[in-house]
Amino acid sequence: MKATASAPIGETLIDSRQAAKKLGCSVRHLDNQRAAGKIPFIRIGNLIRFSLASLDEWIREQANSAESEVVDDA
């Protein structure tokens, strides 16, 4: 998934604190991942927001990636 995302009108957007809570990490870690282009986000002016749908998709991709690495190592 691309580092930046676009959100359809009406899609729920959350801030860094809420996204970090959803992912179970610190805001600092989330910001580092975002700055490295590893997690999708939306910039609205100076604001950084995260789409719930994009985060859910990113989580699924990470889980699938981790599963394939375990299978490849076997």
N, C-alpha and C. Protein backbone atom coordinates (compact mmCIF):
# COMPACT_ATOMS: atom_id res chain seq x y z
N MET A 1 0.83 -1.17 0.00
CA MET A 1 0.00 0.00 0.00
C MET A 1 0.88 1.24 0.00
N LYS A 2 0.40 2.28 -0.66
CA LYS A 2 1.15 3.52 -0.71
C LYS A 2 1.22 4.17 0.66
N ALA A 3 2.22 5.02 0.84
CA ALA A 3 2.39 5.70 2.11
C ALA A 3 1.29 6.72 2.34
N THR A 4 0.80 7.34 1.29
CA THR A 4 -0.31 8.26 1.44
C THR A 4 -1.55 7.62 0.86
N ALA A 5 -2.68 8.04 1.33
CA ALA A 5 -3.94 7.45 0.87
C ALA A 5 -4.94 8.56 0.64
N SER A 6 -5.95 8.26 -0.12
CA SER A 6 -7.06 9.19 -0.25
C SER A 6 -8.28 8.54 0.35
N ALA A 7 -9.11 9.34 0.97
CA ALA A 7 -10.29 8.81 1.63
C ALA A 7 -11.54 9.25 0.89
N PRO A 8 -12.41 8.30 0.58
CA PRO A 8 -13.68 8.68 -0.02
C PRO A 8 -14.45 9.60 0.92
N ILE A 9 -15.27 10.45 0.36
CA ILE A 9 -16.07 11.36 1.18
C ILE A 9 -16.93 10.54 2.13
N GLY A 10 -16.93 10.95 3.39
CA GLY A 10 -17.72 10.26 4.40
C GLY A 10 -16.96 9.17 5.14
N GLU A 11 -15.75 8.86 4.71
CA GLU A 11 -14.96 7.83 5.40
C GLU A 11 -14.45 8.38 6.72
N THR A 12 -14.41 7.53 7.72
CA THR A 12 -13.97 7.94 9.05
C THR A 12 -12.46 8.13 9.08
N LEU A 13 -12.03 9.30 9.55
CA LEU A 13 -10.62 9.61 9.71
C LEU A 13 -10.33 9.78 11.19
N ILE A 14 -9.15 9.32 11.61
CA ILE A 14 -8.74 9.44 13.00
C ILE A 14 -7.37 10.10 13.07
N ASP A 15 -7.05 10.65 14.25
CA ASP A 15 -5.76 11.32 14.42
C ASP A 15 -4.69 10.31 14.87
N SER A 16 -3.49 10.80 15.05
CA SER A 16 -2.35 9.93 15.40
C SER A 16 -2.56 9.21 16.72
N ARG A 17 -3.11 9.90 17.70
CA ARG A 17 -3.33 9.29 19.01
C ARG A 17 -4.31 8.13 18.89
N GLN A 18 -5.40 8.34 18.16
CA GLN A 18 -6.40 7.29 17.98
C GLN A 18 -5.84 6.13 17.16
N ALA A 19 -5.06 6.44 16.13
CA ALA A 19 -4.47 5.38 15.29
C ALA A 19 -3.47 4.56 16.09
N ALA A 20 -2.66 5.22 16.91
CA ALA A 20 -1.69 4.50 17.74
C ALA A 20 -2.41 3.56 18.71
N LYS A 21 -3.49 4.03 19.28
CA LYS A 21 -4.27 3.19 20.20
C LYS A 21 -4.83 1.98 19.45
N LYS A 22 -5.36 2.20 18.25
CA LYS A 22 -5.91 1.09 17.44
C LYS A 22 -4.83 0.06 17.13
N LEU A 23 -3.61 0.53 16.84
CA LEU A 23 -2.53 -0.37 16.46
C LEU A 23 -1.76 -0.92 17.66
N GLY A 24 -2.03 -0.37 18.85
CA GLY A 24 -1.34 -0.85 20.05
C GLY A 24 0.12 -0.43 20.10
N CYS A 25 0.40 0.77 19.63
CA CYS A 25 1.78 1.27 19.66
C CYS A 25 1.77 2.71 20.16
N SER A 26 2.95 3.26 20.35
CA SER A 26 3.05 4.64 20.78
C SER A 26 2.85 5.59 19.59
N VAL A 27 2.48 6.82 19.91
CA VAL A 27 2.33 7.83 18.86
C VAL A 27 3.69 8.06 18.19
N ARG A 28 4.75 8.03 18.96
CA ARG A 28 6.10 8.23 18.40
C ARG A 28 6.42 7.14 17.38
N HIS A 29 6.13 5.89 17.72
CA HIS A 29 6.39 4.79 16.79
C HIS A 29 5.55 4.96 15.52
N LEU A 30 4.28 5.29 15.70
CA LEU A 30 3.40 5.52 14.56
C LEU A 30 3.95 6.63 13.67
N ASP A 31 4.38 7.73 14.27
CA ASP A 31 4.93 8.85 13.49
C ASP A 31 6.20 8.43 12.76
N ASN A 32 7.04 7.62 13.39
CA ASN A 32 8.25 7.12 12.72
C ASN A 32 7.89 6.24 11.53
N GLN A 33 6.91 5.37 11.69
CA GLN A 33 6.46 4.51 10.59
C GLN A 33 5.86 5.33 9.45
N ARG A 34 5.08 6.34 9.80
CA ARG A 34 4.49 7.22 8.81
C ARG A 34 5.57 7.98 8.04
N ALA A 35 6.54 8.53 8.77
CA ALA A 35 7.62 9.30 8.14
C ALA A 35 8.46 8.41 7.22
N ALA A 36 8.57 7.13 7.55
CA ALA A 36 9.34 6.18 6.74
C ALA A 36 8.52 5.67 5.55
N GLY A 37 7.25 6.07 5.47
CA GLY A 37 6.41 5.65 4.36
C GLY A 37 5.88 4.23 4.50
N LYS A 38 5.83 3.73 5.72
CA LYS A 38 5.43 2.34 5.95
C LYS A 38 3.96 2.17 6.31
N ILE A 39 3.26 3.27 6.55
CA ILE A 39 1.86 3.18 6.95
C ILE A 39 1.08 4.27 6.22
N PRO A 40 -0.13 3.94 5.73
CA PRO A 40 -0.89 4.92 4.95
C PRO A 40 -1.46 6.04 5.82
N PHE A 41 -1.43 7.26 5.31
CA PHE A 41 -1.97 8.40 6.02
C PHE A 41 -2.50 9.42 5.02
N ILE A 42 -3.21 10.38 5.53
CA ILE A 42 -3.76 11.45 4.71
C ILE A 42 -3.33 12.77 5.33
N ARG A 43 -2.83 13.65 4.49
CA ARG A 43 -2.46 14.99 4.97
C ARG A 43 -3.56 15.95 4.54
N ILE A 44 -4.10 16.68 5.50
CA ILE A 44 -5.10 17.71 5.24
C ILE A 44 -4.50 19.01 5.77
N GLY A 45 -3.90 19.76 4.87
CA GLY A 45 -3.16 20.95 5.30
C GLY A 45 -2.00 20.52 6.18
N ASN A 46 -1.97 21.01 7.41
CA ASN A 46 -0.93 20.62 8.36
C ASN A 46 -1.32 19.41 9.20
N LEU A 47 -2.53 18.93 9.04
CA LEU A 47 -3.03 17.82 9.85
C LEU A 47 -2.68 16.48 9.22
N ILE A 48 -2.37 15.52 10.07
CA ILE A 48 -2.15 14.14 9.64
C ILE A 48 -3.33 13.33 10.15
N ARG A 49 -3.97 12.60 9.25
CA ARG A 49 -5.10 11.76 9.62
C ARG A 49 -4.91 10.38 9.02
N PHE A 50 -5.58 9.41 9.61
CA PHE A 50 -5.52 8.02 9.17
C PHE A 50 -6.93 7.55 8.88
N SER A 51 -7.11 6.89 7.76
CA SER A 51 -8.39 6.31 7.40
C SER A 51 -8.54 4.97 8.11
N LEU A 52 -9.67 4.77 8.77
CA LEU A 52 -9.89 3.48 9.44
C LEU A 52 -9.85 2.34 8.44
N ALA A 53 -10.47 2.52 7.28
CA ALA A 53 -10.48 1.46 6.27
C ALA A 53 -9.07 1.17 5.77
N SER A 54 -8.27 2.21 5.55
CA SER A 54 -6.89 2.00 5.08
C SER A 54 -6.04 1.32 6.15
N LEU A 55 -6.25 1.68 7.41
CA LEU A 55 -5.52 1.01 8.49
C LEU A 55 -5.90 -0.46 8.58
N ASP A 56 -7.20 -0.75 8.47
CA ASP A 56 -7.63 -2.15 8.51
C ASP A 56 -7.02 -2.94 7.37
N GLU A 57 -6.97 -2.35 6.17
CA GLU A 57 -6.35 -3.03 5.02
C GLU A 57 -4.85 -3.23 5.26
N TRP A 58 -4.19 -2.22 5.80
CA TRP A 58 -2.76 -2.29 6.08
C TRP A 58 -2.48 -3.40 7.09
N ILE A 59 -3.34 -3.50 8.11
CA ILE A 59 -3.17 -4.55 9.13
C ILE A 59 -3.28 -5.92 8.48
N ARG A 60 -4.29 -6.11 7.60
CA ARG A 60 -4.45 -7.39 6.90
C ARG A 60 -3.21 -7.71 6.06
N GLU A 61 -2.68 -6.70 5.36
CA GLU A 61 -1.49 -6.91 4.54
C GLU A 61 -0.30 -7.32 5.40
N GLN A 62 -0.16 -6.69 6.56
CA GLN A 62 0.95 -7.03 7.45
C GLN A 62 0.81 -8.45 7.96
N ALA A 63 -0.42 -8.84 8.30
CA ALA A 63 -0.67 -10.20 8.79
C ALA A 63 -0.37 -11.21 7.68
N ASN A 64 -0.81 -10.93 6.46
CA ASN A 64 -0.55 -11.83 5.34
C ASN A 64 0.94 -11.93 5.05
N SER A 65 1.64 -10.81 5.14
CA SER A 65 3.08 -10.79 4.91
C SER A 65 3.80 -11.63 5.97
N ALA A 66 3.39 -11.50 7.21
CA ALA A 66 4.01 -12.26 8.29
C ALA A 66 3.75 -13.75 8.12
N GLU A 67 2.53 -14.11 7.70
CA GLU A 67 2.20 -15.52 7.48
C GLU A 67 3.02 -16.11 6.35
N SER A 68 3.22 -15.35 5.28
CA SER A 68 3.99 -15.89 4.15
C SER A 68 5.47 -16.04 4.52
N GLU A 69 5.98 -15.17 5.39
CA GLU A 69 7.37 -15.31 5.83
C GLU A 69 7.55 -16.57 6.64
N VAL A 70 6.58 -16.91 7.48
CA VAL A 70 6.67 -18.12 8.30
C VAL A 70 6.63 -19.34 7.39
N VAL A 71 5.78 -19.34 6.38
CA VAL A 71 5.69 -20.46 5.45
C VAL A 71 6.97 -20.59 4.65
N ASP A 72 7.55 -19.46 4.22
CA ASP A 72 8.78 -19.48 3.44
C ASP A 72 9.96 -20.01 4.26
N ASP A 73 9.97 -19.74 5.56
CA ASP A 73 11.07 -20.18 6.41
C ASP A 73 11.00 -21.68 6.73
N ALA A 74 9.83 -22.26 6.58
CA ALA A 74 9.65 -23.66 6.97
C ALA A 74 10.35 -24.62 6.04
